[in-house]
């Protein structure tokens, strides 16, 4: 059993370096998480000098870096360090559907982890696609979007379970409650755009 880290054991470069690599999760980064939480103010000060802000959600168990706005960066005289990610329309739709599914899952108090399968996501995406889209093409679109979502840290493949993914709670920070409130309207817009083949 490992003893909890004391203040003198905490390591700022370890916490910052981990954040620079991507989202840090309490359950996946057990050795890094105590350093990050224990040094949160110092981490915030350090990354601020790079034009970044740190977002830590202790209750959900994740942390990530976000770039300051372009205006703030211009005032600081520094370039953007964290690149913007351009998402395909299909990936955007997938993330919106996953966020909606997570909200429904949380409202039923079904447990801490939402697991979805490729088949479930194909079923959810099919109504959003043009009727002419064949099943093989739909599966390919969903698998491509799932790979992109996994690369960005929004889903995690379940080891030894083919086609199973855990929806990571960090998705809540990117698809927030205000956006979620208008989700049906957003999904209708997406469906219309996809139907038109744009």
C-alpha atoms as a PDB file:
ATOM      1  CA  UNK A   1       0.000   0.000   0.000  1.00  0.00           C
ATOM      2  CA  UNK A   2       1.451   3.361  -1.013  1.00  0.00           C
ATOM      3  CA  UNK A   3       1.455   6.165   1.507  1.00  0.00           C
ATOM      4  CA  UNK A   4      -0.129   9.488   0.521  1.00  0.00           C
ATOM      5  CA  UNK A   5       2.254  12.106  -0.815  1.00  0.00           C
ATOM      6  CA  UNK A   6       3.282  14.803   1.654  1.00  0.00           C
ATOM      7  CA  UNK A   7       3.823  18.428   0.654  1.00  0.00           C
ATOM      8  CA  UNK A   8       7.585  17.893   0.353  1.00  0.00           C
ATOM      9  CA  UNK A   9       7.066  14.839  -1.881  1.00  0.00           C
ATOM     10  CA  UNK A  10       5.052  16.763  -4.474  1.00  0.00           C
ATOM     11  CA  UNK A  11       6.733  17.352  -7.823  1.00  0.00           C
ATOM     12  CA  UNK A  12       5.642  20.324  -9.955  1.00  0.00           C
ATOM     13  CA  UNK A  13       7.447  19.335 -13.201  1.00  0.00           C
ATOM     14  CA  UNK A  14       5.796  15.900 -13.080  1.00  0.00           C
ATOM     15  CA  UNK A  15       2.314  17.429 -12.794  1.00  0.00           C
ATOM     16  CA  UNK A  16       2.877  20.042 -15.517  1.00  0.00           C
ATOM     17  CA  UNK A  17       4.542  17.614 -17.930  1.00  0.00           C
ATOM     18  CA  UNK A  18       1.666  15.160 -17.590  1.00  0.00           C
ATOM     19  CA  UNK A  19      -0.838  17.929 -18.365  1.00  0.00           C
ATOM     20  CA  UNK A  20       1.179  18.996 -21.406  1.00  0.00           C
ATOM     21  CA  UNK A  21       0.728  15.489 -22.797  1.00  0.00           C
ATOM     22  CA  UNK A  22      -3.077  15.571 -22.522  1.00  0.00           C
ATOM     23  CA  UNK A  23      -5.941  14.967 -20.122  1.00  0.00           C
ATOM     24  CA  UNK A  24      -4.889  13.599 -16.720  1.00  0.00           C
ATOM     25  CA  UNK A  25      -7.340  11.171 -15.110  1.00  0.00           C
ATOM     26  CA  UNK A  26      -7.374  10.218 -11.442  1.00  0.00           C
ATOM     27  CA  UNK A  27      -8.018   6.557 -12.254  1.00  0.00           C
ATOM     28  CA  UNK A  28      -5.516   6.250 -15.112  1.00  0.00           C
ATOM     29  CA  UNK A  29      -2.747   8.443 -13.662  1.00  0.00           C
ATOM     30  CA  UNK A  30      -2.779   7.408 -10.019  1.00  0.00           C
ATOM     31  CA  UNK A  31       0.844   8.391  -9.362  1.00  0.00           C
ATOM     32  CA  UNK A  32       0.503  11.826 -11.006  1.00  0.00           C
ATOM     33  CA  UNK A  33      -2.922  12.850  -9.659  1.00  0.00           C
ATOM     34  CA  UNK A  34      -1.785  13.618  -6.055  1.00  0.00           C
ATOM     35  CA  UNK A  35       0.975  15.893  -7.377  1.00  0.00           C
ATOM     36  CA  UNK A  36      -1.465  17.720  -9.632  1.00  0.00           C
ATOM     37  CA  UNK A  37      -4.136  18.256  -6.957  1.00  0.00           C
ATOM     38  CA  UNK A  38      -1.652  19.013  -4.198  1.00  0.00           C
ATOM     39  CA  UNK A  39       0.103  21.644  -6.291  1.00  0.00           C
ATOM     40  CA  UNK A  40      -2.936  23.070  -8.111  1.00  0.00           C
ATOM     41  CA  UNK A  41      -2.153  26.767  -7.360  1.00  0.00           C
ATOM     42  CA  UNK A  42       1.493  26.349  -8.392  1.00  0.00           C
ATOM     43  CA  UNK A  43       0.472  24.479 -11.553  1.00  0.00           C
ATOM     44  CA  UNK A  44      -1.985  27.276 -12.388  1.00  0.00           C
ATOM     45  CA  UNK A  45       0.711  29.940 -11.911  1.00  0.00           C
ATOM     46  CA  UNK A  46       3.248  28.004 -13.967  1.00  0.00           C
ATOM     47  CA  UNK A  47       1.007  27.313 -16.972  1.00  0.00           C
ATOM     48  CA  UNK A  48      -0.371  30.883 -16.884  1.00  0.00           C
ATOM     49  CA  UNK A  49       3.093  32.085 -17.913  1.00  0.00           C
ATOM     50  CA  UNK A  50       2.680  29.928 -21.033  1.00  0.00           C
ATOM     51  CA  UNK A  51      -0.738  31.382 -21.892  1.00  0.00           C
ATOM     52  CA  UNK A  52      -2.650  28.405 -20.486  1.00  0.00           C
ATOM     53  CA  UNK A  53      -5.212  27.768 -17.777  1.00  0.00           C
ATOM     54  CA  UNK A  54      -5.613  24.505 -15.901  1.00  0.00           C
ATOM     55  CA  UNK A  55      -9.027  22.987 -15.317  1.00  0.00           C
ATOM     56  CA  UNK A  56      -9.228  20.427 -12.500  1.00  0.00           C
ATOM     57  CA  UNK A  57     -12.463  18.629 -11.656  1.00  0.00           C
ATOM     58  CA  UNK A  58     -11.713  16.650  -8.500  1.00  0.00           C
ATOM     59  CA  UNK A  59     -15.233  15.259  -8.180  1.00  0.00           C
ATOM     60  CA  UNK A  60     -15.141  13.748 -11.690  1.00  0.00           C
ATOM     61  CA  UNK A  61     -11.419  12.977 -11.552  1.00  0.00           C
ATOM     62  CA  UNK A  62      -9.884  14.727 -14.559  1.00  0.00           C
ATOM     63  CA  UNK A  63      -7.717  17.727 -15.376  1.00  0.00           C
ATOM     64  CA  UNK A  64      -6.596  19.386 -18.608  1.00  0.00           C
ATOM     65  CA  UNK A  65      -5.041  22.532 -20.026  1.00  0.00           C
ATOM     66  CA  UNK A  66      -6.893  25.118 -22.042  1.00  0.00           C
ATOM     67  CA  UNK A  67      -5.392  27.993 -24.000  1.00  0.00           C
ATOM     68  CA  UNK A  68      -6.252  31.544 -23.059  1.00  0.00           C
ATOM     69  CA  UNK A  69      -8.261  33.467 -25.653  1.00  0.00           C
ATOM     70  CA  UNK A  70      -6.492  34.911 -28.683  1.00  0.00           C
ATOM     71  CA  UNK A  71      -7.004  38.429 -27.261  1.00  0.00           C
ATOM     72  CA  UNK A  72      -5.420  37.443 -23.943  1.00  0.00           C
ATOM     73  CA  UNK A  73      -2.506  35.782 -25.748  1.00  0.00           C
ATOM     74  CA  UNK A  74      -2.014  38.911 -27.868  1.00  0.00           C
ATOM     75  CA  UNK A  75      -1.943  41.039 -24.698  1.00  0.00           C
ATOM     76  CA  UNK A  76       0.668  38.685 -23.222  1.00  0.00           C
ATOM     77  CA  UNK A  77       2.662  38.740 -26.463  1.00  0.00           C
ATOM     78  CA  UNK A  78       2.931  34.958 -26.704  1.00  0.00           C
ATOM     79  CA  UNK A  79       1.790  32.480 -29.362  1.00  0.00           C
ATOM     80  CA  UNK A  80      -0.858  29.792 -28.858  1.00  0.00           C
ATOM     81  CA  UNK A  81       0.753  26.673 -27.373  1.00  0.00           C
ATOM     82  CA  UNK A  82      -2.232  24.293 -27.397  1.00  0.00           C
ATOM     83  CA  UNK A  83      -3.506  23.879 -30.962  1.00  0.00           C
ATOM     84  CA  UNK A  84      -7.173  24.060 -31.806  1.00  0.00           C
ATOM     85  CA  UNK A  85      -8.596  20.734 -32.925  1.00  0.00           C
ATOM     86  CA  UNK A  86     -10.706  20.878 -36.050  1.00  0.00           C
ATOM     87  CA  UNK A  87     -13.327  18.162 -35.709  1.00  0.00           C
ATOM     88  CA  UNK A  88     -15.112  16.557 -38.611  1.00  0.00           C
ATOM     89  CA  UNK A  89     -18.878  16.882 -38.619  1.00  0.00           C
ATOM     90  CA  UNK A  90     -19.245  13.158 -37.895  1.00  0.00           C
ATOM     91  CA  UNK A  91     -16.932  13.400 -34.867  1.00  0.00           C
ATOM     92  CA  UNK A  92     -18.856  16.443 -33.612  1.00  0.00           C
ATOM     93  CA  UNK A  93     -22.139  14.544 -33.944  1.00  0.00           C
ATOM     94  CA  UNK A  94     -20.664  11.528 -32.156  1.00  0.00           C
ATOM     95  CA  UNK A  95     -19.434  13.676 -29.256  1.00  0.00           C
ATOM     96  CA  UNK A  96     -22.829  15.374 -28.978  1.00  0.00           C
ATOM     97  CA  UNK A  97     -24.584  11.991 -28.885  1.00  0.00           C
ATOM     98  CA  UNK A  98     -22.123  10.640 -26.322  1.00  0.00           C
ATOM     99  CA  UNK A  99     -22.644  13.706 -24.129  1.00  0.00           C
ATOM    100  CA  UNK A 100     -26.404  13.247 -24.331  1.00  0.00           C
ATOM    101  CA  UNK A 101     -26.017   9.555 -23.493  1.00  0.00           C
ATOM    102  CA  UNK A 102     -23.827  10.420 -20.482  1.00  0.00           C
ATOM    103  CA  UNK A 103     -26.428  12.889 -19.177  1.00  0.00           C
ATOM    104  CA  UNK A 104     -29.134  10.205 -19.475  1.00  0.00           C
ATOM    105  CA  UNK A 105     -26.835   7.662 -17.804  1.00  0.00           C
ATOM    106  CA  UNK A 106     -26.093  10.018 -14.888  1.00  0.00           C
ATOM    107  CA  UNK A 107     -29.794  10.754 -14.377  1.00  0.00           C
ATOM    108  CA  UNK A 108     -30.459   7.050 -13.786  1.00  0.00           C
ATOM    109  CA  UNK A 109     -27.644   6.678 -11.223  1.00  0.00           C
ATOM    110  CA  UNK A 110     -26.396   3.593 -13.076  1.00  0.00           C
ATOM    111  CA  UNK A 111     -22.842   3.803 -11.769  1.00  0.00           C
ATOM    112  CA  UNK A 112     -19.630   5.719 -12.409  1.00  0.00           C
ATOM    113  CA  UNK A 113     -18.727   4.380 -15.883  1.00  0.00           C
ATOM    114  CA  UNK A 114     -20.701   4.608 -19.109  1.00  0.00           C
ATOM    115  CA  UNK A 115     -19.651   1.871 -21.520  1.00  0.00           C
ATOM    116  CA  UNK A 116     -20.839   2.001 -25.131  1.00  0.00           C
ATOM    117  CA  UNK A 117     -20.260  -0.325 -28.060  1.00  0.00           C
ATOM    118  CA  UNK A 118     -19.543   0.467 -31.679  1.00  0.00           C
ATOM    119  CA  UNK A 119     -22.884  -1.156 -32.511  1.00  0.00           C
ATOM    120  CA  UNK A 120     -24.744   1.188 -30.143  1.00  0.00           C
ATOM    121  CA  UNK A 121     -23.045   4.204 -31.676  1.00  0.00           C
ATOM    122  CA  UNK A 122     -23.903   3.018 -35.201  1.00  0.00           C
ATOM    123  CA  UNK A 123     -27.523   2.712 -34.074  1.00  0.00           C
ATOM    124  CA  UNK A 124     -27.452   6.241 -32.609  1.00  0.00           C
ATOM    125  CA  UNK A 125     -25.726   7.777 -35.643  1.00  0.00           C
ATOM    126  CA  UNK A 126     -27.839   6.103 -38.344  1.00  0.00           C
ATOM    127  CA  UNK A 127     -30.829   8.503 -38.050  1.00  0.00           C
ATOM    128  CA  UNK A 128     -28.421  11.424 -38.461  1.00  0.00           C
ATOM    129  CA  UNK A 129     -27.068  10.206 -41.801  1.00  0.00           C
ATOM    130  CA  UNK A 130     -28.596  10.406 -45.278  1.00  0.00           C
ATOM    131  CA  UNK A 131     -30.885   7.453 -46.027  1.00  0.00           C
ATOM    132  CA  UNK A 132     -28.618   6.499 -48.924  1.00  0.00           C
ATOM    133  CA  UNK A 133     -25.732   5.748 -46.548  1.00  0.00           C
ATOM    134  CA  UNK A 134     -25.217   1.983 -46.496  1.00  0.00           C
ATOM    135  CA  UNK A 135     -24.511   0.063 -43.304  1.00  0.00           C
ATOM    136  CA  UNK A 136     -20.842  -0.608 -44.079  1.00  0.00           C
ATOM    137  CA  UNK A 137     -20.275   3.105 -44.738  1.00  0.00           C
ATOM    138  CA  UNK A 138     -22.053   4.024 -41.484  1.00  0.00           C
ATOM    139  CA  UNK A 139     -19.887   1.598 -39.503  1.00  0.00           C
ATOM    140  CA  UNK A 140     -16.765   3.062 -41.134  1.00  0.00           C
ATOM    141  CA  UNK A 141     -17.842   6.648 -40.296  1.00  0.00           C
ATOM    142  CA  UNK A 142     -18.584   5.745 -36.670  1.00  0.00           C
ATOM    143  CA  UNK A 143     -15.315   3.822 -36.233  1.00  0.00           C
ATOM    144  CA  UNK A 144     -13.350   6.750 -37.668  1.00  0.00           C
ATOM    145  CA  UNK A 145     -15.148   9.201 -35.349  1.00  0.00           C
ATOM    146  CA  UNK A 146     -14.566   6.900 -32.357  1.00  0.00           C
ATOM    147  CA  UNK A 147     -10.833   6.706 -33.141  1.00  0.00           C
ATOM    148  CA  UNK A 148     -10.663  10.505 -33.253  1.00  0.00           C
ATOM    149  CA  UNK A 149     -12.622  10.777 -29.992  1.00  0.00           C
ATOM    150  CA  UNK A 150     -10.206   8.285 -28.399  1.00  0.00           C
ATOM    151  CA  UNK A 151      -7.184  10.267 -29.672  1.00  0.00           C
ATOM    152  CA  UNK A 152      -8.624  13.386 -28.031  1.00  0.00           C
ATOM    153  CA  UNK A 153      -9.298  11.546 -24.744  1.00  0.00           C
ATOM    154  CA  UNK A 154     -13.115  11.649 -24.831  1.00  0.00           C
ATOM    155  CA  UNK A 155     -13.458   7.862 -24.961  1.00  0.00           C
ATOM    156  CA  UNK A 156     -11.178   5.015 -23.907  1.00  0.00           C
ATOM    157  CA  UNK A 157     -11.055   1.573 -25.462  1.00  0.00           C
ATOM    158  CA  UNK A 158     -11.853  -1.174 -22.972  1.00  0.00           C
ATOM    159  CA  UNK A 159      -8.924  -3.618 -22.962  1.00  0.00           C
ATOM    160  CA  UNK A 160      -9.728  -7.109 -24.261  1.00  0.00           C
ATOM    161  CA  UNK A 161     -13.285  -6.078 -25.202  1.00  0.00           C
ATOM    162  CA  UNK A 162     -13.469  -5.489 -28.944  1.00  0.00           C
ATOM    163  CA  UNK A 163     -15.636  -2.541 -29.924  1.00  0.00           C
ATOM    164  CA  UNK A 164     -16.296  -1.382 -26.325  1.00  0.00           C
ATOM    165  CA  UNK A 165     -15.514   2.145 -25.144  1.00  0.00           C
ATOM    166  CA  UNK A 166     -15.743   4.019 -21.856  1.00  0.00           C
ATOM    167  CA  UNK A 167     -17.080   7.550 -22.243  1.00  0.00           C
ATOM    168  CA  UNK A 168     -14.659   9.751 -20.304  1.00  0.00           C
ATOM    169  CA  UNK A 169     -16.219  12.418 -18.106  1.00  0.00           C
ATOM    170  CA  UNK A 170     -13.979  15.141 -19.479  1.00  0.00           C
ATOM    171  CA  UNK A 171     -16.516  15.358 -22.317  1.00  0.00           C
ATOM    172  CA  UNK A 172     -18.706  17.299 -19.857  1.00  0.00           C
ATOM    173  CA  UNK A 173     -16.184  20.144 -19.825  1.00  0.00           C
ATOM    174  CA  UNK A 174     -16.274  20.486 -23.610  1.00  0.00           C
ATOM    175  CA  UNK A 175     -19.977  19.930 -24.199  1.00  0.00           C
ATOM    176  CA  UNK A 176     -21.287  21.973 -21.267  1.00  0.00           C
ATOM    177  CA  UNK A 177     -24.730  22.125 -19.690  1.00  0.00           C
ATOM    178  CA  UNK A 178     -25.747  25.250 -21.614  1.00  0.00           C
ATOM    179  CA  UNK A 179     -24.890  23.644 -24.942  1.00  0.00           C
ATOM    180  CA  UNK A 180     -26.515  20.404 -23.810  1.00  0.00           C
ATOM    181  CA  UNK A 181     -29.768  22.261 -23.110  1.00  0.00           C
ATOM    182  CA  UNK A 182     -30.029  23.026 -26.822  1.00  0.00           C
ATOM    183  CA  UNK A 183     -28.683  19.652 -27.888  1.00  0.00           C
ATOM    184  CA  UNK A 184     -31.753  18.501 -29.782  1.00  0.00           C
ATOM    185  CA  UNK A 185     -31.633  21.678 -31.875  1.00  0.00           C
ATOM    186  CA  UNK A 186     -27.899  21.167 -32.501  1.00  0.00           C
ATOM    187  CA  UNK A 187     -28.473  17.545 -33.516  1.00  0.00           C
ATOM    188  CA  UNK A 188     -31.267  18.592 -35.867  1.00  0.00           C
ATOM    189  CA  UNK A 189     -28.869  21.093 -37.486  1.00  0.00           C
ATOM    190  CA  UNK A 190     -26.201  18.402 -37.819  1.00  0.00           C
ATOM    191  CA  UNK A 191     -28.697  15.970 -39.342  1.00  0.00           C
ATOM    192  CA  UNK A 192     -29.757  18.581 -41.884  1.00  0.00           C
ATOM    193  CA  UNK A 193     -26.155  19.359 -42.852  1.00  0.00           C
ATOM    194  CA  UNK A 194     -25.265  15.661 -43.133  1.00  0.00           C
ATOM    195  CA  UNK A 195     -28.395  14.971 -45.188  1.00  0.00           C
ATOM    196  CA  UNK A 196     -27.354  17.705 -47.611  1.00  0.00           C
ATOM    197  CA  UNK A 197     -23.927  16.112 -47.877  1.00  0.00           C
ATOM    198  CA  UNK A 198     -22.058  19.244 -46.855  1.00  0.00           C
END
